Protein backbone atom coordinates (compact mmCIF):
# COMPACT_ATOMS: atom_id res chain seq x y z
CA MET A 1 0.01 -0.03 -0.02
CA LEU A 2 2.65 2.47 0.93
CA THR A 3 4.62 1.63 -2.23
CA GLY A 4 1.55 2.63 -4.32
CA GLN A 5 1.17 5.62 -2.14
CA PHE A 6 4.76 6.60 -2.81
CA MET A 7 4.43 6.29 -6.65
CA SER A 8 1.30 8.44 -6.81
CA LEU A 9 2.96 11.17 -4.74
CA LEU A 10 6.20 10.84 -6.69
CA ASP A 11 4.51 11.61 -10.00
CA THR A 12 3.10 14.86 -8.66
CA PHE A 13 6.71 16.41 -8.59
CA ILE A 14 8.97 14.37 -10.69
CA VAL A 15 7.70 15.87 -13.98
CA ASN A 16 8.91 19.37 -12.76
CA VAL A 17 12.54 18.27 -13.13
CA ALA A 18 11.95 16.73 -16.64
CA ALA A 19 9.82 19.64 -17.99
CA PRO A 20 12.55 21.35 -20.04
CA ASP A 21 13.66 17.97 -21.71
CA LEU A 22 10.05 17.08 -22.20
CA ARG A 23 9.16 20.47 -23.92
CA ALA A 24 11.92 20.31 -26.18
CA ASP A 25 11.37 16.68 -27.30
CA LEU A 26 7.70 16.90 -27.80
CA HIS A 27 7.70 20.74 -29.05
CA ALA A 28 5.05 21.39 -26.52
CA SER A 29 3.82 24.96 -26.07
CA GLY A 30 3.97 26.75 -22.81
CA SER A 31 0.35 26.02 -22.03
CA GLY A 32 0.69 22.34 -23.25
CA LEU A 33 3.61 21.92 -20.96
CA GLN A 34 1.64 23.36 -18.08
CA LEU A 35 -1.18 20.95 -18.64
CA VAL A 36 1.26 17.99 -18.70
CA VAL A 37 2.47 19.05 -15.16
CA ALA A 38 -0.92 20.20 -13.85
CA GLY A 39 -3.29 17.68 -15.50
CA TYR A 40 -2.25 14.97 -13.09
CA THR A 41 -2.81 17.23 -10.08
CA ILE A 42 -6.20 18.45 -11.29
CA ALA A 43 -7.64 14.98 -11.88
CA TYR A 44 -6.09 13.71 -8.69
CA ALA A 45 -7.53 16.48 -6.47
CA VAL A 46 -10.90 16.48 -8.18
CA LEU A 47 -11.43 12.62 -7.65
CA LEU A 48 -9.89 12.09 -4.24
CA ILE A 49 -13.21 12.09 -2.31
CA THR A 50 -14.82 10.07 -4.90
CA GLY A 51 -12.10 7.46 -4.61
CA ALA A 52 -12.50 7.37 -0.72
CA ARG A 53 -16.23 6.81 -1.07
CA LEU A 54 -15.88 4.09 -3.70
CA GLY A 55 -13.46 2.40 -1.49
CA GLY A 56 -16.08 2.39 1.33
CA VAL A 57 -18.79 1.02 -0.99
CA MET A 58 -16.86 -1.41 -3.08
CA GLY A 59 -13.98 -2.47 -0.85
CA HIS A 60 -10.89 -0.58 0.02
CA ALA A 61 -8.38 -3.33 -1.32
CA ARG A 62 -10.25 -3.87 -4.53
CA ILE A 63 -10.46 -0.11 -5.38
CA PHE A 64 -6.69 0.29 -4.44
CA LEU A 65 -5.76 -2.44 -6.91
CA GLY A 66 -8.11 -1.15 -9.50
CA GLY A 67 -6.52 2.39 -9.10
CA LEU A 68 -3.06 0.71 -9.25
CA ALA A 69 -3.83 -1.00 -12.50
CA VAL A 70 -4.99 2.29 -14.07
CA PHE A 71 -2.12 4.17 -12.69
CA THR A 72 0.34 1.61 -14.11
CA ALA A 73 -1.23 1.42 -17.61
CA ALA A 74 -1.30 5.24 -17.85
CA SER A 75 2.29 5.44 -16.77
CA LEU A 76 3.23 3.16 -19.63
CA ALA A 77 1.18 5.25 -22.03
CA CYS A 78 2.83 8.46 -20.72
CA GLY A 79 6.28 6.99 -21.31
CA LEU A 80 5.44 5.98 -24.88
CA ALA A 81 3.48 9.20 -25.74
CA THR A 82 4.60 10.80 -29.04
CA GLY A 83 2.80 14.15 -28.61
CA ALA A 84 1.95 16.74 -26.09
CA GLY A 85 -1.93 16.14 -26.54
CA SER A 86 -1.66 12.40 -26.05
CA LEU A 87 0.77 12.97 -22.90
CA ILE A 88 -1.70 15.38 -21.35
CA ALA A 89 -4.68 12.91 -21.90
CA PHE A 90 -2.60 9.98 -20.29
CA ARG A 91 -1.64 12.19 -17.30
CA LEU A 92 -5.37 12.87 -16.61
CA VAL A 93 -5.85 9.19 -16.59
CA GLN A 94 -2.73 8.55 -14.38
CA GLY A 95 -4.27 11.13 -11.82
CA THR A 96 -7.47 9.29 -11.87
CA GLY A 97 -5.74 6.09 -10.98
CA ALA A 98 -3.82 7.82 -8.12
CA ALA A 99 -7.03 9.26 -6.66
CA MET A 100 -8.40 5.74 -6.45
CA MET A 101 -5.41 4.35 -4.71
CA LEU A 102 -4.32 7.02 -2.22
CA PRO A 103 -7.41 7.37 -0.11
CA GLN A 104 -7.68 3.57 0.46
CA VAL A 105 -4.29 3.48 2.22
CA LEU A 106 -5.33 5.68 5.15
CA SER A 107 -8.69 3.82 5.51
CA LEU A 108 -7.07 0.34 5.50
CA ILE A 109 -4.60 1.47 8.08
CA GLN A 110 -7.62 2.64 10.17
CA ARG A 111 -9.39 -0.63 9.66
CA THR A 112 -6.60 -2.95 9.98
CA PHE A 113 -4.43 -1.72 12.92
CA THR A 114 -5.22 -0.82 16.44
CA GLY A 115 -3.18 0.59 19.43
CA ALA A 116 0.46 0.98 19.23
CA SER A 117 0.62 -0.85 15.69
CA ARG A 118 -1.78 1.76 14.23
CA GLY A 119 0.51 4.48 15.61
CA ARG A 120 3.60 2.93 13.97
CA ALA A 121 1.67 2.42 10.70
CA LEU A 122 0.39 6.00 10.63
CA GLY A 123 4.09 7.22 11.33
CA VAL A 124 5.27 5.36 8.32
CA TYR A 125 2.35 6.50 6.24
CA ALA A 126 3.16 10.31 7.22
CA ALA A 127 6.92 9.66 6.49
CA VAL A 128 6.09 8.41 3.03
CA LEU A 129 3.57 11.23 2.33
CA GLY A 130 6.20 13.78 3.13
CA VAL A 131 9.21 12.07 1.52
CA GLY A 132 7.40 11.57 -1.69
CA ALA A 133 7.37 15.20 -2.54
CA ALA A 134 11.10 15.58 -1.96
CA ALA A 135 11.90 12.32 -3.56
CA GLY A 136 10.15 13.32 -6.76
CA GLN A 137 12.74 16.07 -7.20
CA ILE A 138 15.57 13.77 -6.27
CA LEU A 139 14.63 10.87 -8.47
CA GLY A 140 13.68 13.10 -11.33
CA GLY A 141 17.13 14.72 -11.35
CA VAL A 142 18.83 11.23 -11.18
CA LEU A 143 16.70 9.95 -14.13
CA VAL A 144 17.07 12.97 -16.31
CA GLU A 145 20.78 13.18 -15.73
CA ALA A 146 21.28 9.62 -16.43
CA ASP A 147 19.40 9.70 -19.62
CA LEU A 148 18.87 5.79 -19.58
CA PHE A 149 18.96 4.27 -23.14
CA GLY A 150 18.88 7.63 -24.62
CA TRP A 151 15.17 7.92 -23.74
CA GLY A 152 15.50 11.37 -22.02
CA TRP A 153 12.46 12.32 -19.89
CA ARG A 154 10.54 8.85 -20.58
CA PRO A 155 11.96 7.04 -17.64
CA VAL A 156 10.29 9.36 -15.13
CA PHE A 157 7.05 7.57 -16.25
CA LEU A 158 8.32 4.14 -17.31
CA ILE A 159 9.87 3.47 -13.82
CA ASN A 160 6.38 3.15 -12.38
CA VAL A 161 5.56 0.19 -14.76
CA PRO A 162 7.71 -2.68 -13.34
CA VAL A 163 6.95 -1.60 -9.78
CA GLY A 164 3.28 -1.42 -10.52
CA LEU A 165 3.25 -4.83 -12.09
CA VAL A 166 4.96 -6.45 -9.03
CA LEU A 167 2.36 -4.95 -6.72
CA LEU A 168 -0.58 -6.11 -8.93
CA ALA A 169 0.76 -9.58 -8.88
CA THR A 170 1.20 -9.69 -5.11
CA GLY A 171 -1.38 -7.20 -3.91
CA PRO A 172 -4.53 -9.58 -4.02
CA TRP A 173 -2.73 -12.01 -1.65
CA LEU A 174 -0.92 -9.44 0.60
CA MET A 175 -4.15 -7.31 0.98
CA GLY A 176 -6.59 -10.29 1.63
CA VAL A 177 -8.97 -9.34 -1.22
CA ARG A 178 -10.82 -12.64 -1.10
CA ASP A 179 -11.45 -12.14 2.71
CA GLU A 180 -12.58 -8.60 2.14
CA ARG A 181 -15.12 -9.78 -0.55
CA ALA A 182 -16.54 -12.37 1.84
CA ALA A 183 -16.77 -9.87 4.62
CA ARG A 184 -18.59 -7.40 2.44
CA ARG A 185 -21.04 -10.20 1.30
CA ALA A 186 -21.77 -10.80 4.94
CA GLU A 187 -22.34 -7.27 5.73
CA ARG A 188 -24.73 -7.00 2.68
CA ARG A 189 -26.67 -10.11 3.95
CA ALA A 190 -26.91 -8.71 7.39
CA ASP A 191 -28.28 -5.37 5.98
CA ARG A 192 -30.86 -7.14 4.07
CA GLN A 193 -32.01 -9.32 6.94
CA ALA A 194 -32.22 -6.22 9.19
CA GLY A 195 -34.17 -4.22 6.58
CA ARG A 196 -31.25 -1.60 6.16
CA GLN A 197 -30.53 -0.25 2.86
CA SER A 198 -26.95 -0.80 1.60
CA ASP A 199 -24.66 2.12 1.61
CA ALA A 200 -25.09 3.78 -1.82
CA PRO A 201 -22.92 6.56 -3.08
CA ASP A 202 -24.16 10.14 -2.93
CA LEU A 203 -23.87 10.84 -6.47
CA THR A 204 -25.30 14.36 -6.32
CA GLY A 205 -22.81 15.17 -3.57
CA LEU A 206 -20.00 13.61 -5.67
CA ALA A 207 -20.91 15.86 -8.63
CA LEU A 208 -21.26 19.05 -6.63
CA LEU A 209 -17.92 18.47 -4.83
CA ALA A 210 -16.08 17.51 -8.12
CA ALA A 211 -17.35 20.65 -9.67
CA THR A 212 -16.24 22.70 -6.60
CA VAL A 213 -12.68 21.26 -6.62
CA LEU A 214 -12.52 21.67 -10.30
CA LEU A 215 -13.57 25.37 -10.23
CA PHE A 216 -10.85 25.98 -7.63
CA THR A 217 -8.03 23.92 -8.96
CA VAL A 218 -7.99 24.99 -12.64
CA PRO A 219 -7.62 28.74 -12.16
CA VAL A 220 -5.13 28.22 -9.24
CA VAL A 221 -2.89 26.04 -11.26
CA LEU A 222 -3.23 27.73 -14.71
CA GLY A 223 -4.01 31.40 -13.72
CA ARG A 224 -0.43 32.80 -13.42
CA GLU A 225 0.62 31.44 -16.76
CA GLN A 226 -2.54 32.88 -18.35
CA GLY A 227 -1.91 36.37 -16.75
CA TRP A 228 -4.91 35.87 -14.06
CA PRO A 229 -7.62 36.18 -16.89
CA LEU A 230 -11.31 37.15 -16.13
CA TRP A 231 -12.38 33.45 -16.56
CA GLY A 232 -10.13 32.39 -13.59
CA TRP A 233 -11.70 34.93 -11.29
CA ILE A 234 -15.17 33.93 -12.45
CA SER A 235 -14.31 30.29 -11.79
CA LEU A 236 -13.17 31.16 -8.19
CA GLY A 237 -16.48 32.92 -7.63
CA LEU A 238 -18.51 30.05 -9.01
CA CYS A 239 -16.32 27.78 -6.69
CA ALA A 240 -17.80 29.62 -3.63
CA VAL A 241 -21.38 29.19 -4.80
CA SER A 242 -20.80 25.56 -5.72
CA PHE A 243 -19.31 24.92 -2.29
CA THR A 244 -22.27 26.59 -0.58
CA VAL A 245 -24.66 24.48 -2.60
CA PHE A 246 -22.70 21.43 -1.79
CA ALA A 247 -22.74 22.14 2.05
CA CYS A 248 -26.41 22.89 2.00
CA TYR A 249 -27.39 19.79 0.14
CA GLU A 250 -25.10 17.56 2.42
CA VAL A 251 -26.79 19.06 5.62
CA LEU A 252 -30.33 18.38 4.16
CA LEU A 253 -29.44 14.88 3.12
CA ALA A 254 -28.14 14.07 6.58
CA ARG A 255 -31.39 15.52 8.22
CA ARG A 256 -33.38 13.30 5.83
CA GLY A 257 -31.47 10.25 7.22
CA GLY A 258 -29.37 9.76 4.03
CA ARG A 259 -25.60 9.04 3.90
CA PRO A 260 -23.79 12.33 3.02
CA LEU A 261 -20.52 12.35 1.02
CA ILE A 262 -18.66 13.89 4.21
CA SER A 263 -20.38 12.81 7.37
CA PRO A 264 -21.27 15.64 9.73
CA ARG A 265 -19.94 13.45 12.57
CA VAL A 266 -16.44 13.55 10.95
CA LEU A 267 -16.51 17.30 10.66
CA ARG A 268 -17.67 17.60 14.28
CA ALA A 269 -15.05 15.18 15.50
CA ALA A 270 -12.52 16.62 18.02
CA GLY A 271 -9.70 18.28 16.31
CA VAL A 272 -10.85 17.90 12.64
CA PRO A 273 -11.45 21.50 11.73
CA LEU A 274 -7.97 22.48 13.17
CA ALA A 275 -6.55 19.39 11.32
CA ILE A 276 -7.97 20.82 8.12
CA VAL A 277 -6.35 24.20 8.66
CA ARG A 278 -3.04 22.87 9.76
CA ILE A 279 -2.79 20.08 7.10
CA CYS A 280 -3.52 22.56 4.36
CA CYS A 281 -0.95 25.03 5.71
CA MET A 282 1.79 22.37 5.98
CA MET A 283 1.35 20.89 2.64
CA ALA A 284 1.10 24.40 1.02
CA VAL A 285 4.38 25.46 2.43
CA ASN A 286 5.98 22.14 1.77
CA ALA A 287 5.01 22.22 -1.93
CA GLY A 288 5.75 25.83 -2.22
CA VAL A 289 9.25 25.59 -0.82
CA LEU A 290 10.18 22.58 -2.96
CA LEU A 291 9.07 24.37 -6.12
CA VAL A 292 10.63 27.75 -5.58
CA LEU A 293 13.87 26.36 -4.24
CA MET A 294 14.14 23.97 -7.24
CA LEU A 295 13.58 27.06 -9.58
CA HIS A 296 16.12 29.08 -7.78
CA LEU A 297 18.85 26.43 -7.75
CA GLN A 298 18.58 25.54 -11.36
CA SER A 299 17.52 28.78 -13.09
CA GLY A 300 19.07 31.18 -10.69
CA LEU A 301 22.31 29.56 -9.59
CA GLY A 302 22.66 27.23 -12.56
CA HIS A 303 22.69 23.90 -10.80
CA SER A 304 22.22 20.70 -12.65
CA ALA A 305 18.94 18.79 -12.29
CA LEU A 306 20.79 16.00 -10.23
CA ARG A 307 22.45 18.64 -7.93
CA ALA A 308 19.39 20.48 -7.25
CA GLY A 309 17.43 17.24 -6.54
CA LEU A 310 20.08 16.08 -4.09
CA SER A 311 19.76 19.26 -2.15
CA PHE A 312 16.51 17.91 -0.73
CA VAL A 313 18.02 14.78 0.75
CA PRO A 314 18.43 16.36 4.29
CA THR A 315 14.82 17.41 4.40
CA ALA A 316 13.51 14.13 3.14
CA VAL A 317 15.60 12.03 5.76
CA VAL A 318 14.86 14.11 8.67
CA PHE A 319 11.17 14.24 7.84
CA ALA A 320 10.96 10.47 7.52
CA VAL A 321 13.03 9.69 10.64
CA THR A 322 10.98 12.37 12.81
CA GLY A 323 7.71 10.83 11.42
CA MET A 324 8.56 7.46 12.72
CA THR A 325 10.01 8.45 16.11
CA TRP A 326 8.13 11.46 17.43
CA ARG A 327 5.82 9.17 19.45
CA LYS A 328 8.78 8.24 21.64
CA LEU A 329 8.79 11.73 23.10
CA PRO A 330 7.07 12.40 26.42
CA GLY A 331 3.15 12.08 25.98
CA SER A 332 2.63 15.46 27.61
CA TRP A 333 4.55 17.04 24.75
CA HIS A 334 2.48 15.58 21.92
CA PRO A 335 -0.40 18.29 22.05
CA ARG A 336 2.31 20.90 21.55
CA LEU A 337 4.39 19.34 18.89
CA SER A 338 2.41 20.65 15.98
CA PHE A 339 2.74 24.25 17.26
CA ALA A 340 6.42 23.79 17.75
CA GLY A 341 6.77 22.20 14.22
CA PHE A 342 5.22 25.11 12.49
CA LEU A 343 7.43 27.73 14.45
CA THR A 344 10.53 25.49 13.59
CA ALA A 345 9.51 25.36 9.95
CA ALA A 346 8.96 29.31 9.96
CA THR A 347 12.49 29.77 11.45
CA ALA A 348 13.95 27.55 8.89
CA PHE A 349 12.39 29.68 6.08
CA VAL A 350 13.80 32.87 7.47
CA TRP A 351 17.16 31.19 7.93
CA LEU A 352 17.06 29.87 4.36
CA ALA A 353 16.27 33.43 3.02
CA ALA A 354 19.25 35.02 4.99
CA LEU A 355 21.62 32.13 3.90
CA MET A 356 20.99 32.65 0.10
CA SER A 357 20.20 36.40 0.10
CA ASP A 358 23.66 37.25 -1.47
CA GLY A 359 23.11 35.09 -4.48
CA GLY A 360 25.30 32.10 -2.97
CA ASP A 361 24.26 28.63 -2.40
CA GLY A 362 24.45 28.76 1.48
CA GLY A 363 27.44 26.58 1.90
CA ALA A 364 27.53 23.92 4.52
CA TRP A 365 24.85 25.55 6.56
CA PHE A 366 22.52 25.07 3.77
CA ALA A 367 22.18 21.22 4.45
CA VAL A 368 21.64 22.03 8.27
CA CYS A 369 18.83 24.51 7.36
CA MET A 370 17.19 21.95 5.02
CA ALA A 371 17.23 19.38 7.91
CA VAL A 372 15.79 21.82 10.36
CA MET A 373 13.10 22.48 7.87
CA GLY A 374 12.36 18.77 7.53
CA LEU A 375 12.11 18.52 11.19
CA GLY A 376 9.69 21.40 11.45
CA LEU A 377 7.49 20.17 8.52
CA SER A 378 7.29 16.70 10.01
CA LEU A 379 6.35 17.79 13.58
CA SER A 380 3.63 20.17 12.13
CA TYR A 381 2.02 17.36 10.28
CA ASN A 382 2.36 13.81 11.97
CA PRO A 383 1.12 14.63 15.43
CA VAL A 384 -1.98 16.38 14.20
CA LEU A 385 -2.81 13.67 11.75
CA ALA A 386 -2.44 10.96 14.41
CA ARG A 387 -4.50 12.82 17.07
CA THR A 388 -7.37 13.60 14.56
CA LEU A 389 -7.63 9.98 13.27
CA ALA A 390 -7.71 8.75 16.79
CA GLY A 391 -10.92 10.57 17.37
CA VAL A 392 -12.63 9.23 14.24
CA ARG A 393 -14.68 5.98 14.35
CA GLN A 394 -13.58 3.11 12.28
CA SER A 395 -16.92 3.19 10.39
CA GLU A 396 -16.09 6.76 9.19
CA ALA A 397 -12.37 5.98 8.25
CA ALA A 398 -13.23 6.31 4.54
CA ASP A 399 -14.89 9.78 5.02
CA ALA A 400 -12.06 11.04 7.29
CA SER A 401 -9.29 9.80 4.95
CA GLY A 402 -10.94 11.26 1.85
CA LEU A 403 -11.36 14.57 3.56
CA LEU A 404 -7.84 14.79 4.98
CA VAL A 405 -6.06 13.45 1.79
CA THR A 406 -8.10 15.93 -0.26
CA THR A 407 -7.11 18.68 2.14
CA ALA A 408 -3.51 17.93 1.70
CA GLN A 409 -3.78 17.73 -2.06
CA LEU A 410 -5.55 21.09 -2.25
CA GLY A 411 -2.98 22.55 0.07
CA MET A 412 -0.19 21.31 -2.30
CA VAL A 413 -2.04 22.76 -5.39
CA THR A 414 -2.58 26.11 -3.69
CA GLY A 415 1.10 26.22 -2.48
CA VAL A 416 2.48 25.61 -5.70
CA ALA A 417 0.23 28.15 -7.34
CA LEU A 418 0.50 31.03 -4.88
CA PHE A 419 4.33 30.63 -3.93
CA GLY A 420 5.22 29.89 -7.34
CA ALA A 421 3.48 32.97 -8.76
CA LEU A 422 5.12 35.00 -6.03
CA PHE A 423 8.49 33.96 -6.87
CA LEU A 424 8.23 34.34 -10.65
CA GLU A 425 6.65 37.77 -10.27
CA HIS A 426 9.47 39.07 -8.23
CA ALA A 427 11.97 37.31 -10.51
CA GLU A 428 10.24 39.48 -13.29
CA GLY A 429 8.75 36.37 -15.15
CA ALA A 430 12.24 34.88 -16.18
CA VAL A 431 15.20 34.42 -13.82
CA THR A 432 18.10 36.05 -15.51
CA SER A 433 20.71 36.38 -12.70
CA ALA A 434 21.59 34.95 -9.37
CA ALA A 435 20.95 38.29 -7.69
CA THR A 436 17.39 38.62 -9.18
CA SER A 437 16.59 35.06 -8.32
CA ALA A 438 18.00 35.40 -4.75
CA ASP A 439 15.85 38.53 -4.25
CA ALA A 440 12.77 36.68 -5.36
CA PHE A 441 13.68 33.61 -3.26
CA LYS A 442 14.11 35.74 -0.22
CA THR A 443 10.76 37.43 -0.54
CA THR A 444 9.04 34.01 -1.13
CA CYS A 445 10.68 32.48 1.93
CA LEU A 446 9.38 35.33 4.09
CA ALA A 447 5.90 34.69 2.84
CA LEU A 448 6.43 30.85 3.59
CA ALA A 449 7.41 31.72 7.08
CA ALA A 450 4.31 33.85 7.44
CA SER A 451 2.03 31.03 6.36
CA ALA A 452 3.76 28.55 8.68
CA SER A 453 2.95 30.99 11.40
CA VAL A 454 -0.60 30.87 10.51
CA GLY A 455 -0.47 27.14 10.95
CA ALA A 456 1.08 27.56 14.47
CA LEU A 457 -1.50 30.15 15.55
CA ALA A 458 -4.30 28.06 14.37
CA GLY A 459 -4.09 25.83 17.51
CA PRO A 460 -4.43 28.71 20.20
CA VAL A 461 -7.27 30.23 18.16
CA ASP A 462 -9.09 26.93 17.86
CA GLY A 463 -8.71 26.44 21.60
CA LEU A 464 -10.00 29.93 22.27
CA VAL A 465 -13.04 29.40 20.15
CA ARG A 466 -13.91 26.08 21.87
CA ARG A 467 -13.61 27.78 25.22
CA VAL A 468 -16.05 30.64 24.19
CA ARG A 469 -18.49 28.03 22.71
CA ARG A 470 -18.41 26.06 26.15
CA GLN A 471 -18.97 29.33 28.14
CA ALA A 472 -21.81 30.29 25.84
């Protein structure tokens, strides 16, 4: 499961490094290249909640393996694509497969593990989630630099194929698909005998939520390259309307005794609103710093794709180690770890801006700063995820996983769009010198620090709101 999760996250970022080679080989236009990069993310974000609910209805292992098959086949098609148009189409299909896979991982962990074993599983899950982003930059740089068999950019997609085939061959046995099918048949028989209706998908809710996410992601992803056109602002306005309609419909459906797409009990569960804010902030700054630092190192400082990718190794290693070991800290510290993590990340962003403000590469202190950043990002994410899921019933695991994974993905999309736009605007659209790039990078790092501070303050604000409500 975690290998499939890693592959789906990897493909969100790995194409960034290969974009120059891909554009030259396929003679893609600027908008075409952007759709190659963003098409996967758009399909992925739009269908995550849908994938989560399908897993709850049809079986998590079954939908995971179905998504894995779609993802693997689409990866092969991407690697063999002969034009930008076909590559864009295959990337959309690849994103659909990823959206089927990823929500099932968290649901299966919730349903399969209990107690300390669940904590360890969630630690590894969170480590893979964070490392996947940095690993995309690293592995992308290695593959592009190696130019395997003279295939250029194609191995960044083809590498998924042998891994996917191995997982498809072993997955049904390892994940107990036969046992899951038998359990679901027994559940349906019990429902019929008790006169209960089987859990049916909320198709209207699915359509409304998909429209809402699509209206948000498309202008956010494509807006800067298009000069923030009028259609983008209209789309964002319609997104607000669509979200309002979706929320009203879900409330009415719950009152009528139906099964809404996102259970109100999940939204009311202790810590869920705070988790949504903090996960969104963490993934936004994580994706934002990965993008702008890669742009600064390659375009501003002239580093190779391999050297730029390897710069993220300290962040990835520390993030993973912290994600698997933070539970060993005293239990009384756990409620404050996310707050401390956001402050640590904010400090690292300010430090990074200072280290590279003169147009240099930061020297040996750069690696230390990147490690501190990995520590802060991991602490800001892992404890809040674990504490939130601990308060969600097992029967609502699919709803919770779909909600939190979608929040993370939308945070990543927003971070790439907003911080990428800020960097490129201050770099005057095209980075022409180390000094210009350094100035743009400094400004963006300060914005990243401010955003991390929002994540830190979200906890005290949430606590204050809850105290006021209790007193009222």
